[in-house]
Amino acid sequence: MTSTGTSRWVDLEGGPIHFVDHGGNPTGPPIVLVHGLSGNHLNWDDLAPLLTSRGRVLALDLIGHGRTRAHGRSADVHRNRRVLDGFLREVAGEPAVVVGNSMGGLITLMQLTQAPETVRAAALIDPALPLSLGGRPETPVLAFFAACGITPLGRRILASGRGRDIELMVKRQLNIVMSDRTRMSPELYAAHVALATERAAFADEADQSVLEATKSLLLVMARLDRYRRAIRRVTTPTLLIHGTDDRLVHVGQAKEAARLNPAWELRIADGLGHVPMMEDPAWTARELTRWLDALDERGAADGLMESAAGGGVS
């Protein structure tokens, strides 16, 4: 299995957490990448090198995902939010730019409301959003997530979908999250197949983690009023990126989320699905970089105004 960075480990929440250190500009803020449900550090492999000019880029594997095995730990979103919190404090070491996709977007939002001092700026890429927020995903997707919320049935579904052909399973998963799987680089596709093969050695444990994460995700999204309040409470600079062809979270849900917090900036990824950073990493990197550049310019302007108001350096 290949990656564009260096594989590392850190002990958090009672056990080892795997992450990939892509390196980067030491003078910029750390950039922490948080994958979604059933995702892993590889989801960021094509994007990460395009961000290293801005800062040190780190992509972690949440509990039960990628190379981070559960080892008796729950993979629910609350436990993984604590993993992110510990990672920001112990590995990033300073307020970071956090980029979260899907479930990782939800976990990032939770971090923004519970420990905003750890996040300098946040980008939510096709984050998990409540159905009643506006728009609906495709019916088969709804049925799948509803079934996974029922643990015994969900376990059977995951086992039957895995079967004996790991490459076919990977293709099916990618066809759900991507509008066009052929846009994915061959190297990244091969790396996903290799990782899925590695995880097949502990398939039952991996399936249990996915089911725990799914159930907790659905429970959080069911609390619409709480979710709305969380979005409105965020004061950290936030960018929302969303694909028009997302089958899992309808673009209308993202537009409604942006309306709830007018300070959020919304970028629509035309023709892309649930994982724009995998389908078009160059476009995603440009949007992130432009947004971060604008934040830096506004910060510099604010600093000059504060300096002028205070009479300059004494």
C-alpha atoms as a PDB file:
ATOM      1  CA  MET A   1       0.000   0.000   0.000  1.00  0.00           C
ATOM      2  CA  THR A   2       1.403   3.358  -1.013  1.00  0.00           C
ATOM      3  CA  SER A   3       0.797   6.881   0.147  1.00  0.00           C
ATOM      4  CA  THR A   4       2.291  10.237  -0.702  1.00  0.00           C
ATOM      5  CA  GLY A   5       3.426  10.784   2.890  1.00  0.00           C
ATOM      6  CA  THR A   6       5.060   9.054   5.845  1.00  0.00           C
ATOM      7  CA  SER A   7       3.045   6.613   7.948  1.00  0.00           C
ATOM      8  CA  ARG A   8       3.102   7.431  11.672  1.00  0.00           C
ATOM      9  CA  TRP A   9       1.305   6.448  14.887  1.00  0.00           C
ATOM     10  CA  VAL A  10       0.204   8.254  18.046  1.00  0.00           C
ATOM     11  CA  ASP A  11      -1.526   6.948  21.191  1.00  0.00           C
ATOM     12  CA  LEU A  12      -4.920   8.605  21.681  1.00  0.00           C
ATOM     13  CA  GLU A  13      -8.171   7.535  23.329  1.00  0.00           C
ATOM     14  CA  GLY A  14      -6.722   4.374  24.780  1.00  0.00           C
ATOM     15  CA  GLY A  15      -4.812   3.034  21.800  1.00  0.00           C
ATOM     16  CA  PRO A  16      -2.818   3.631  18.625  1.00  0.00           C
ATOM     17  CA  ILE A  17      -4.085   6.027  15.959  1.00  0.00           C
ATOM     18  CA  HIS A  18      -2.581   5.893  12.495  1.00  0.00           C
ATOM     19  CA  PHE A  19      -1.930   9.013  10.444  1.00  0.00           C
ATOM     20  CA  VAL A  20       0.069  10.069   7.408  1.00  0.00           C
ATOM     21  CA  ASP A  21       2.433  13.021   7.608  1.00  0.00           C
ATOM     22  CA  HIS A  22       2.694  14.636   4.172  1.00  0.00           C
ATOM     23  CA  GLY A  23       5.148  17.273   5.376  1.00  0.00           C
ATOM     24  CA  GLY A  24       4.897  20.846   4.191  1.00  0.00           C
ATOM     25  CA  ASN A  25       5.682  24.462   4.921  1.00  0.00           C
ATOM     26  CA  PRO A  26       6.802  24.713   8.581  1.00  0.00           C
ATOM     27  CA  THR A  27       5.900  28.400   8.758  1.00  0.00           C
ATOM     28  CA  GLY A  28       2.231  27.832   7.980  1.00  0.00           C
ATOM     29  CA  PRO A  29      -0.473  26.409  10.259  1.00  0.00           C
ATOM     30  CA  PRO A  30      -0.917  22.628  10.329  1.00  0.00           C
ATOM     31  CA  ILE A  31      -3.596  21.282   7.974  1.00  0.00           C
ATOM     32  CA  VAL A  32      -5.454  18.287   9.407  1.00  0.00           C
ATOM     33  CA  LEU A  33      -7.543  16.129   7.057  1.00  0.00           C
ATOM     34  CA  VAL A  34     -10.452  14.070   8.447  1.00  0.00           C
ATOM     35  CA  HIS A  35     -12.054  11.380   6.281  1.00  0.00           C
ATOM     36  CA  GLY A  36     -15.651  10.175   6.227  1.00  0.00           C
ATOM     37  CA  LEU A  37     -17.550   6.985   7.044  1.00  0.00           C
ATOM     38  CA  SER A  38     -15.738   3.913   5.641  1.00  0.00           C
ATOM     39  CA  GLY A  39     -13.021   6.265   4.384  1.00  0.00           C
ATOM     40  CA  ASN A  40      -9.369   6.517   5.365  1.00  0.00           C
ATOM     41  CA  HIS A  41      -6.186   8.559   4.971  1.00  0.00           C
ATOM     42  CA  LEU A  42      -5.911   7.560   1.302  1.00  0.00           C
ATOM     43  CA  ASN A  43      -8.938   9.710   0.464  1.00  0.00           C
ATOM     44  CA  TRP A  44      -6.609  12.707   0.710  1.00  0.00           C
ATOM     45  CA  ASP A  45      -3.559  11.332  -1.100  1.00  0.00           C
ATOM     46  CA  ASP A  46      -4.067  13.274  -4.334  1.00  0.00           C
ATOM     47  CA  LEU A  47      -5.052  16.500  -2.558  1.00  0.00           C
ATOM     48  CA  ALA A  48      -2.478  16.602   0.246  1.00  0.00           C
ATOM     49  CA  PRO A  49       0.619  17.352  -1.900  1.00  0.00           C
ATOM     50  CA  LEU A  50      -1.235  20.325  -3.393  1.00  0.00           C
ATOM     51  CA  LEU A  51      -1.608  21.883   0.074  1.00  0.00           C
ATOM     52  CA  THR A  52       1.915  21.432   1.463  1.00  0.00           C
ATOM     53  CA  SER A  53       2.985  24.927   0.367  1.00  0.00           C
ATOM     54  CA  ARG A  54       0.552  26.266   2.985  1.00  0.00           C
ATOM     55  CA  GLY A  55       1.568  24.145   5.968  1.00  0.00           C
ATOM     56  CA  ARG A  56       2.320  20.684   7.337  1.00  0.00           C
ATOM     57  CA  VAL A  57      -0.422  18.367   6.069  1.00  0.00           C
ATOM     58  CA  LEU A  58      -1.614  15.501   8.286  1.00  0.00           C
ATOM     59  CA  ALA A  59      -4.252  12.886   7.385  1.00  0.00           C
ATOM     60  CA  LEU A  60      -5.482  10.659  10.202  1.00  0.00           C
ATOM     61  CA  ASP A  61      -7.377   7.365  10.306  1.00  0.00           C
ATOM     62  CA  LEU A  62     -10.241   7.543  12.778  1.00  0.00           C
ATOM     63  CA  ILE A  63     -10.954   4.604  15.104  1.00  0.00           C
ATOM     64  CA  GLY A  64     -12.099   1.577  13.103  1.00  0.00           C
ATOM     65  CA  HIS A  65     -11.049   3.089   9.777  1.00  0.00           C
ATOM     66  CA  GLY A  66      -8.021   2.716   7.558  1.00  0.00           C
ATOM     67  CA  ARG A  67      -5.133   1.269   9.540  1.00  0.00           C
ATOM     68  CA  THR A  68      -6.490   2.333  12.954  1.00  0.00           C
ATOM     69  CA  ARG A  69      -8.035  -0.791  14.461  1.00  0.00           C
ATOM     70  CA  ALA A  70     -10.623  -0.457  17.197  1.00  0.00           C
ATOM     71  CA  HIS A  71      -8.825  -2.591  19.801  1.00  0.00           C
ATOM     72  CA  GLY A  72     -11.974  -2.548  21.919  1.00  0.00           C
ATOM     73  CA  ARG A  73     -12.675   1.146  21.405  1.00  0.00           C
ATOM     74  CA  SER A  74     -15.982   2.408  20.064  1.00  0.00           C
ATOM     75  CA  ALA A  75     -15.917   3.978  16.599  1.00  0.00           C
ATOM     76  CA  ASP A  76     -18.866   6.288  17.261  1.00  0.00           C
ATOM     77  CA  VAL A  77     -18.618   9.937  16.232  1.00  0.00           C
ATOM     78  CA  HIS A  78     -18.291  11.194  19.825  1.00  0.00           C
ATOM     79  CA  ARG A  79     -15.266   8.992  20.522  1.00  0.00           C
ATOM     80  CA  ASN A  80     -13.723   9.970  17.206  1.00  0.00           C
ATOM     81  CA  ARG A  81     -14.356  13.646  17.945  1.00  0.00           C
ATOM     82  CA  ARG A  82     -12.196  13.144  21.024  1.00  0.00           C
ATOM     83  CA  VAL A  83      -9.570  11.507  18.797  1.00  0.00           C
ATOM     84  CA  LEU A  84      -9.553  14.628  16.627  1.00  0.00           C
ATOM     85  CA  ASP A  85      -9.313  16.844  19.702  1.00  0.00           C
ATOM     86  CA  GLY A  86      -6.328  14.913  21.039  1.00  0.00           C
ATOM     87  CA  PHE A  87      -4.697  14.873  17.608  1.00  0.00           C
ATOM     88  CA  LEU A  88      -4.999  18.648  17.271  1.00  0.00           C
ATOM     89  CA  ARG A  89      -3.505  19.210  20.717  1.00  0.00           C
ATOM     90  CA  GLU A  90      -0.745  16.581  20.696  1.00  0.00           C
ATOM     91  CA  VAL A  91       0.268  16.211  17.046  1.00  0.00           C
ATOM     92  CA  ALA A  92      -0.690  19.481  15.358  1.00  0.00           C
ATOM     93  CA  GLY A  93       0.334  21.324  18.504  1.00  0.00           C
ATOM     94  CA  GLU A  94      -1.379  24.599  17.575  1.00  0.00           C
ATOM     95  CA  PRO A  95      -4.699  25.795  16.108  1.00  0.00           C
ATOM     96  CA  ALA A  96      -4.966  24.053  12.752  1.00  0.00           C
ATOM     97  CA  VAL A  97      -6.847  24.326   9.507  1.00  0.00           C
ATOM     98  CA  VAL A  98      -9.178  21.313   9.704  1.00  0.00           C
ATOM     99  CA  VAL A  99     -10.647  19.861   6.512  1.00  0.00           C
ATOM    100  CA  GLY A 100     -13.395  17.276   7.060  1.00  0.00           C
ATOM    101  CA  ASN A 101     -15.308  15.210   4.512  1.00  0.00           C
ATOM    102  CA  SER A 102     -18.691  13.547   5.093  1.00  0.00           C
ATOM    103  CA  MET A 103     -18.683  12.096   8.647  1.00  0.00           C
ATOM    104  CA  GLY A 104     -15.350  13.875   9.084  1.00  0.00           C
ATOM    105  CA  GLY A 105     -17.187  17.118   8.321  1.00  0.00           C
ATOM    106  CA  LEU A 106     -19.678  16.368  11.086  1.00  0.00           C
ATOM    107  CA  ILE A 107     -16.851  15.564  13.513  1.00  0.00           C
ATOM    108  CA  THR A 108     -15.131  18.807  12.524  1.00  0.00           C
ATOM    109  CA  LEU A 109     -18.356  20.729  13.194  1.00  0.00           C
ATOM    110  CA  MET A 110     -18.574  19.075  16.617  1.00  0.00           C
ATOM    111  CA  GLN A 111     -15.002  20.173  17.333  1.00  0.00           C
ATOM    112  CA  LEU A 112     -15.827  23.734  16.281  1.00  0.00           C
ATOM    113  CA  THR A 113     -18.621  23.917  18.853  1.00  0.00           C
ATOM    114  CA  GLN A 114     -16.859  22.043  21.673  1.00  0.00           C
ATOM    115  CA  ALA A 115     -13.225  23.183  21.361  1.00  0.00           C
ATOM    116  CA  PRO A 116     -13.047  26.103  18.907  1.00  0.00           C
ATOM    117  CA  GLU A 117      -9.669  27.178  20.277  1.00  0.00           C
ATOM    118  CA  THR A 118      -8.063  24.179  18.511  1.00  0.00           C
ATOM    119  CA  VAL A 119      -9.237  25.200  15.029  1.00  0.00           C
ATOM    120  CA  ARG A 120      -7.890  28.178  13.117  1.00  0.00           C
ATOM    121  CA  ALA A 121     -10.217  27.650  10.137  1.00  0.00           C
ATOM    122  CA  ALA A 122     -12.405  24.799   8.900  1.00  0.00           C
ATOM    123  CA  ALA A 123     -13.382  23.466   5.498  1.00  0.00           C
ATOM    124  CA  LEU A 124     -16.334  21.092   5.327  1.00  0.00           C
ATOM    125  CA  ILE A 125     -16.374  19.017   2.137  1.00  0.00           C
ATOM    126  CA  ASP A 126     -19.775  17.402   1.502  1.00  0.00           C
ATOM    127  CA  PRO A 127     -20.338  17.060   5.264  1.00  0.00           C
ATOM    128  CA  ALA A 128     -22.975  14.744   6.717  1.00  0.00           C
ATOM    129  CA  LEU A 129     -26.126  16.841   7.138  1.00  0.00           C
ATOM    130  CA  PRO A 130     -29.656  16.039   8.399  1.00  0.00           C
ATOM    131  CA  LEU A 131     -32.178  14.962   5.748  1.00  0.00           C
ATOM    132  CA  SER A 132     -34.730  17.503   6.902  1.00  0.00           C
ATOM    133  CA  LEU A 133     -32.260  20.331   6.303  1.00  0.00           C
ATOM    134  CA  GLY A 134     -33.282  20.460   2.635  1.00  0.00           C
ATOM    135  CA  GLY A 135     -33.122  18.016  -0.275  1.00  0.00           C
ATOM    136  CA  ARG A 136     -32.933  14.231  -0.195  1.00  0.00           C
ATOM    137  CA  PRO A 137     -30.277  11.721  -1.251  1.00  0.00           C
ATOM    138  CA  GLU A 138     -31.144   8.872  -3.614  1.00  0.00           C
ATOM    139  CA  THR A 139     -33.619   6.269  -2.277  1.00  0.00           C
ATOM    140  CA  PRO A 140     -31.213   3.275  -2.366  1.00  0.00           C
ATOM    141  CA  VAL A 141     -28.755   5.274  -0.289  1.00  0.00           C
ATOM    142  CA  LEU A 142     -31.434   6.075   2.280  1.00  0.00           C
ATOM    143  CA  ALA A 143     -32.395   2.409   2.467  1.00  0.00           C
ATOM    144  CA  PHE A 144     -28.781   1.325   2.959  1.00  0.00           C
ATOM    145  CA  PHE A 145     -28.144   3.712   5.846  1.00  0.00           C
ATOM    146  CA  ALA A 146     -31.460   2.841   7.477  1.00  0.00           C
ATOM    147  CA  ALA A 147     -30.539  -0.849   7.315  1.00  0.00           C
ATOM    148  CA  CYS A 148     -27.066  -0.204   8.721  1.00  0.00           C
ATOM    149  CA  GLY A 149     -28.712   1.505  11.691  1.00  0.00           C
ATOM    150  CA  ILE A 150     -30.102  -1.919  12.614  1.00  0.00           C
ATOM    151  CA  THR A 151     -26.914  -3.690  13.671  1.00  0.00           C
ATOM    152  CA  PRO A 152     -27.676  -7.378  12.869  1.00  0.00           C
ATOM    153  CA  LEU A 153     -29.093  -6.498   9.448  1.00  0.00           C
ATOM    154  CA  GLY A 154     -26.287  -4.043   8.777  1.00  0.00           C
ATOM    155  CA  ARG A 155     -23.670  -6.668   9.572  1.00  0.00           C
ATOM    156  CA  ARG A 156     -25.231  -9.066   7.045  1.00  0.00           C
ATOM    157  CA  ILE A 157     -25.355  -6.336   4.393  1.00  0.00           C
ATOM    158  CA  LEU A 158     -21.699  -5.421   4.875  1.00  0.00           C
ATOM    159  CA  ALA A 159     -20.609  -9.067   4.827  1.00  0.00           C
ATOM    160  CA  SER A 160     -22.590  -9.844   1.673  1.00  0.00           C
ATOM    161  CA  GLY A 161     -21.257  -6.730  -0.048  1.00  0.00           C
ATOM    162  CA  ARG A 162     -17.674  -7.676   0.778  1.00  0.00           C
ATOM    163  CA  GLY A 163     -17.881 -11.187  -0.661  1.00  0.00           C
ATOM    164  CA  ARG A 164     -14.701 -12.711  -2.051  1.00  0.00           C
ATOM    165  CA  ASP A 165     -13.832 -10.113  -4.678  1.00  0.00           C
ATOM    166  CA  ILE A 166     -12.235  -7.214  -2.813  1.00  0.00           C
ATOM    167  CA  GLU A 167     -11.602  -5.187  -5.959  1.00  0.00           C
ATOM    168  CA  LEU A 168     -15.281  -5.428  -6.935  1.00  0.00           C
ATOM    169  CA  MET A 169     -16.247  -4.266  -3.433  1.00  0.00           C
ATOM    170  CA  VAL A 170     -13.936  -1.247  -3.731  1.00  0.00           C
ATOM    171  CA  LYS A 171     -15.416  -0.369  -7.134  1.00  0.00           C
ATOM    172  CA  ARG A 172     -18.948  -0.529  -5.725  1.00  0.00           C
ATOM    173  CA  GLN A 173     -18.051   1.730  -2.829  1.00  0.00           C
ATOM    174  CA  LEU A 174     -16.336   4.241  -5.090  1.00  0.00           C
ATOM    175  CA  ASN A 175     -19.302   4.255  -7.484  1.00  0.00           C
ATOM    176  CA  ILE A 176     -21.491   5.390  -4.588  1.00  0.00           C
ATOM    177  CA  VAL A 177     -19.314   8.291  -3.471  1.00  0.00           C
ATOM    178  CA  MET A 178     -18.005   9.436  -6.877  1.00  0.00           C
ATOM    179  CA  SER A 179     -19.976  10.744  -9.823  1.00  0.00           C
ATOM    180  CA  ASP A 180     -17.338   9.272 -12.167  1.00  0.00           C
ATOM    181  CA  ARG A 181     -14.913   6.712 -10.761  1.00  0.00           C
ATOM    182  CA  THR A 182     -12.664   6.942 -13.836  1.00  0.00           C
ATOM    183  CA  ARG A 183     -11.559  10.413 -12.683  1.00  0.00           C
ATOM    184  CA  MET A 184      -9.661   8.790  -9.842  1.00  0.00           C
ATOM    185  CA  SER A 185      -5.929   8.344 -10.406  1.00  0.00           C
ATOM    186  CA  PRO A 186      -4.860   4.713 -11.040  1.00  0.00           C
ATOM    187  CA  GLU A 187      -2.318   4.947  -8.224  1.00  0.00           C
ATOM    188  CA  LEU A 188      -4.936   6.014  -5.698  1.00  0.00           C
ATOM    189  CA  TYR A 189      -7.322   3.290  -6.862  1.00  0.00           C
ATOM    190  CA  ALA A 190      -4.617   0.626  -6.451  1.00  0.00           C
ATOM    191  CA  ALA A 191      -3.813   1.929  -2.972  1.00  0.00           C
ATOM    192  CA  HIS A 192      -7.480   1.630  -1.935  1.00  0.00           C
ATOM    193  CA  VAL A 193      -7.619  -1.971  -3.148  1.00  0.00           C
ATOM    194  CA  ALA A 194      -4.427  -2.763  -1.220  1.00  0.00           C
ATOM    195  CA  LEU A 195      -5.787  -1.255   1.984  1.00  0.00           C
ATOM    196  CA  ALA A 196      -9.123  -3.069   1.608  1.00  0.00           C
ATOM    197  CA  THR A 197      -7.159  -6.319   1.221  1.00  0.00           C
ATOM    198  CA  GLU A 198      -5.256  -5.535   4.419  1.00  0.00           C
ATOM    199  CA  ARG A 199      -8.497  -4.835   6.305  1.00  0.00           C
ATOM    200  CA  ALA A 200     -10.067  -8.102   5.112  1.00  0.00           C
ATOM    201  CA  ALA A 201      -7.863  -9.864   7.667  1.00  0.00           C
ATOM    202  CA  PHE A 202     -10.030  -8.355  10.448  1.00  0.00           C
ATOM    203  CA  ALA A 203     -13.282  -7.929   8.517  1.00  0.00           C
ATOM    204  CA  ASP A 204     -15.691  -8.639  11.388  1.00  0.00           C
ATOM    205  CA  GLU A 205     -14.023  -6.043  13.597  1.00  0.00           C
ATOM    206  CA  ALA A 206     -13.969  -3.532  10.732  1.00  0.00           C
ATOM    207  CA  ASP A 207     -17.665  -4.098   9.983  1.00  0.00           C
ATOM    208  CA  GLN A 208     -18.552  -3.591  13.640  1.00  0.00           C
ATOM    209  CA  SER A 209     -16.721  -0.263  13.645  1.00  0.00           C
ATOM    210  CA  VAL A 210     -18.551   0.920  10.526  1.00  0.00           C
ATOM    211  CA  LEU A 211     -21.901  -0.026  12.063  1.00  0.00           C
ATOM    212  CA  GLU A 212     -21.078   1.800  15.307  1.00  0.00           C
ATOM    213  CA  ALA A 213     -20.068   4.892  13.378  1.00  0.00           C
ATOM    214  CA  THR A 214     -23.173   4.728  11.158  1.00  0.00           C
ATOM    215  CA  LYS A 215     -25.593   4.360  14.056  1.00  0.00           C
ATOM    216  CA  SER A 216     -24.065   7.241  16.008  1.00  0.00           C
ATOM    217  CA  LEU A 217     -23.994   9.388  12.856  1.00  0.00           C
ATOM    218  CA  LEU A 218     -27.708   8.814  12.256  1.00  0.00           C
ATOM    219  CA  LEU A 219     -28.537   9.619  15.887  1.00  0.00           C
ATOM    220  CA  VAL A 220     -26.677  12.934  15.755  1.00  0.00           C
ATOM    221  CA  MET A 221     -28.300  13.940  12.461  1.00  0.00           C
ATOM    222  CA  ALA A 222     -31.765  13.058  13.811  1.00  0.00           C
ATOM    223  CA  ARG A 223     -31.500  15.948  16.287  1.00  0.00           C
ATOM    224  CA  LEU A 224     -32.251  18.676  13.760  1.00  0.00           C
ATOM    225  CA  ASP A 225     -32.737  21.543  16.221  1.00  0.00           C
ATOM    226  CA  ARG A 226     -29.446  20.782  17.937  1.00  0.00           C
ATOM    227  CA  TYR A 227     -27.701  20.523  14.573  1.00  0.00           C
ATOM    228  CA  ARG A 228     -29.108  23.880  13.444  1.00  0.00           C
ATOM    229  CA  ARG A 229     -27.937  25.508  16.669  1.00  0.00           C
ATOM    230  CA  ALA A 230     -24.480  24.016  16.221  1.00  0.00           C
ATOM    231  CA  ILE A 231     -24.156  25.500  12.727  1.00  0.00           C
ATOM    232  CA  ARG A 232     -25.329  28.933  13.906  1.00  0.00           C
ATOM    233  CA  ARG A 233     -22.901  28.893  16.859  1.00  0.00           C
ATOM    234  CA  VAL A 234     -19.784  28.504  14.735  1.00  0.00           C
ATOM    235  CA  THR A 235     -17.671  31.663  14.648  1.00  0.00           C
ATOM    236  CA  THR A 236     -14.521  30.059  13.228  1.00  0.00           C
ATOM    237  CA  PRO A 237     -13.969  30.932   9.537  1.00  0.00           C
ATOM    238  CA  THR A 238     -15.635  28.100   7.612  1.00  0.00           C
ATOM    239  CA  LEU A 239     -15.699  27.062   3.968  1.00  0.00           C
ATOM    240  CA  LEU A 240     -18.393  24.669   2.724  1.00  0.00           C
ATOM    241  CA  ILE A 241     -17.662  22.728  -0.473  1.00  0.00           C
ATOM    242  CA  HIS A 242     -20.345  20.489  -1.972  1.00  0.00           C
ATOM    243  CA  GLY A 243     -20.715  18.438  -5.135  1.00  0.00           C
ATOM    244  CA  THR A 244     -23.819  18.873  -7.275  1.00  0.00           C
ATOM    245  CA  ASP A 245     -23.859  15.109  -8.010  1.00  0.00           C
ATOM    246  CA  ASP A 246     -23.499  13.942  -4.402  1.00  0.00           C
ATOM    247  CA  ARG A 247     -25.709  10.836  -3.987  1.00  0.00           C
ATOM    248  CA  LEU A 248     -25.301  10.720  -0.202  1.00  0.00           C
ATOM    249  CA  VAL A 249     -25.924  14.336   0.846  1.00  0.00           C
ATOM    250  CA  HIS A 250     -28.052  16.426  -1.509  1.00  0.00           C
ATOM    251  CA  VAL A 251     -26.568  19.756  -2.533  1.00  0.00           C
ATOM    252  CA  GLY A 252     -29.780  21.409  -1.287  1.00  0.00           C
ATOM    253  CA  GLN A 253     -28.862  20.345   2.244  1.00  0.00           C
ATOM    254  CA  ALA A 254     -25.541  22.169   1.923  1.00  0.00           C
ATOM    255  CA  LYS A 255     -27.210  25.318   0.610  1.00  0.00           C
ATOM    256  CA  GLU A 256     -29.595  25.308   3.566  1.00  0.00           C
ATOM    257  CA  ALA A 257     -26.676  24.833   5.990  1.00  0.00           C
ATOM    258  CA  ALA A 258     -24.949  27.857   4.431  1.00  0.00           C
ATOM    259  CA  ARG A 259     -28.108  29.920   4.904  1.00  0.00           C
ATOM    260  CA  LEU A 260     -28.144  29.041   8.599  1.00  0.00           C
ATOM    261  CA  ASN A 261     -24.733  30.679   9.052  1.00  0.00           C
ATOM    262  CA  PRO A 262     -24.249  33.570   6.586  1.00  0.00           C
ATOM    263  CA  ALA A 263     -20.572  33.851   7.590  1.00  0.00           C
ATOM    264  CA  TRP A 264     -19.877  30.490   5.965  1.00  0.00           C
ATOM    265  CA  GLU A 265     -18.585  30.602   2.399  1.00  0.00           C
ATOM    266  CA  LEU A 266     -20.139  28.119  -0.042  1.00  0.00           C
ATOM    267  CA  ARG A 267     -18.427  26.656  -3.116  1.00  0.00           C
ATOM    268  CA  ILE A 268     -20.404  24.365  -5.416  1.00  0.00           C
ATOM    269  CA  ALA A 269     -18.424  21.591  -7.112  1.00  0.00           C
ATOM    270  CA  ASP A 270     -20.229  21.257 -10.430  1.00  0.00           C
ATOM    271  CA  GLY A 271     -20.466  17.690 -11.699  1.00  0.00           C
ATOM    272  CA  LEU A 272     -18.653  16.194  -8.703  1.00  0.00           C
ATOM    273  CA  GLY A 273     -19.931  13.737  -6.131  1.00  0.00           C
ATOM    274  CA  HIS A 274     -19.434  13.153  -2.420  1.00  0.00           C
ATOM    275  CA  VAL A 275     -15.615  13.256  -2.495  1.00  0.00           C
ATOM    276  CA  PRO A 276     -14.466  16.208  -4.670  1.00  0.00           C
ATOM    277  CA  MET A 277     -10.920  15.867  -3.325  1.00  0.00           C
ATOM    278  CA  MET A 278     -10.686  12.436  -4.975  1.00  0.00           C
ATOM    279  CA  GLU A 279     -12.484  13.295  -8.226  1.00  0.00           C
ATOM    280  CA  ASP A 280     -10.868  16.671  -8.877  1.00  0.00           C
ATOM    281  CA  PRO A 281      -8.088  17.343  -6.354  1.00  0.00           C
ATOM    282  CA  ALA A 282      -6.705  20.261  -8.411  1.00  0.00           C
ATOM    283  CA  TRP A 283     -10.035  22.145  -8.326  1.00  0.00           C
ATOM    284  CA  THR A 284     -10.476  21.364  -4.619  1.00  0.00           C
ATOM    285  CA  ALA A 285      -6.965  22.580  -3.832  1.00  0.00           C
ATOM    286  CA  ARG A 286      -7.531  25.823  -5.769  1.00  0.00           C
ATOM    287  CA  GLU A 287     -10.732  26.565  -3.848  1.00  0.00           C
ATOM    288  CA  LEU A 288      -9.096  25.815  -0.506  1.00  0.00           C
ATOM    289  CA  THR A 289      -6.000  27.854  -1.327  1.00  0.00           C
ATOM    290  CA  ARG A 290      -7.974  30.880  -2.574  1.00  0.00           C
ATOM    291  CA  TRP A 291     -10.084  30.810   0.574  1.00  0.00           C
ATOM    292  CA  LEU A 292      -7.060  30.518   2.856  1.00  0.00           C
ATOM    293  CA  ASP A 293      -5.297  33.317   0.967  1.00  0.00           C
ATOM    294  CA  ALA A 294      -8.345  35.543   1.446  1.00  0.00           C
ATOM    295  CA  LEU A 295      -8.367  34.741   5.179  1.00  0.00           C
ATOM    296  CA  ASP A 296      -4.690  35.683   5.415  1.00  0.00           C
ATOM    297  CA  GLU A 297      -5.315  38.966   3.614  1.00  0.00           C
ATOM    298  CA  ARG A 298      -8.238  39.825   5.875  1.00  0.00           C
ATOM    299  CA  GLY A 299      -6.161  38.915   8.920  1.00  0.00           C
ATOM    300  CA  ALA A 300      -3.298  41.143   7.780  1.00  0.00           C
ATOM    301  CA  ALA A 301      -5.700  44.024   7.128  1.00  0.00           C
ATOM    302  CA  ASP A 302      -7.290  43.590  10.561  1.00  0.00           C
ATOM    303  CA  GLY A 303      -3.821  43.599  12.150  1.00  0.00           C
ATOM    304  CA  LEU A 304      -2.907  46.844  10.427  1.00  0.00           C
ATOM    305  CA  MET A 305      -6.158  48.464  11.584  1.00  0.00           C
ATOM    306  CA  GLU A 306      -5.595  47.320  15.167  1.00  0.00           C
ATOM    307  CA  SER A 307      -2.018  48.607  15.057  1.00  0.00           C
ATOM    308  CA  ALA A 308      -3.127  52.002  13.737  1.00  0.00           C
ATOM    309  CA  ALA A 309      -5.850  52.248  16.359  1.00  0.00           C
ATOM    310  CA  GLY A 310      -3.348  51.440  19.103  1.00  0.00           C
ATOM    311  CA  GLY A 311      -0.785  53.964  17.952  1.00  0.00           C
ATOM    312  CA  GLY A 312       1.672  51.422  16.576  1.00  0.00           C
ATOM    313  CA  VAL A 313       4.349  49.363  18.283  1.00  0.00           C
ATOM    314  CA  SER A 314       5.606  50.931  21.502  1.00  0.00           C
END
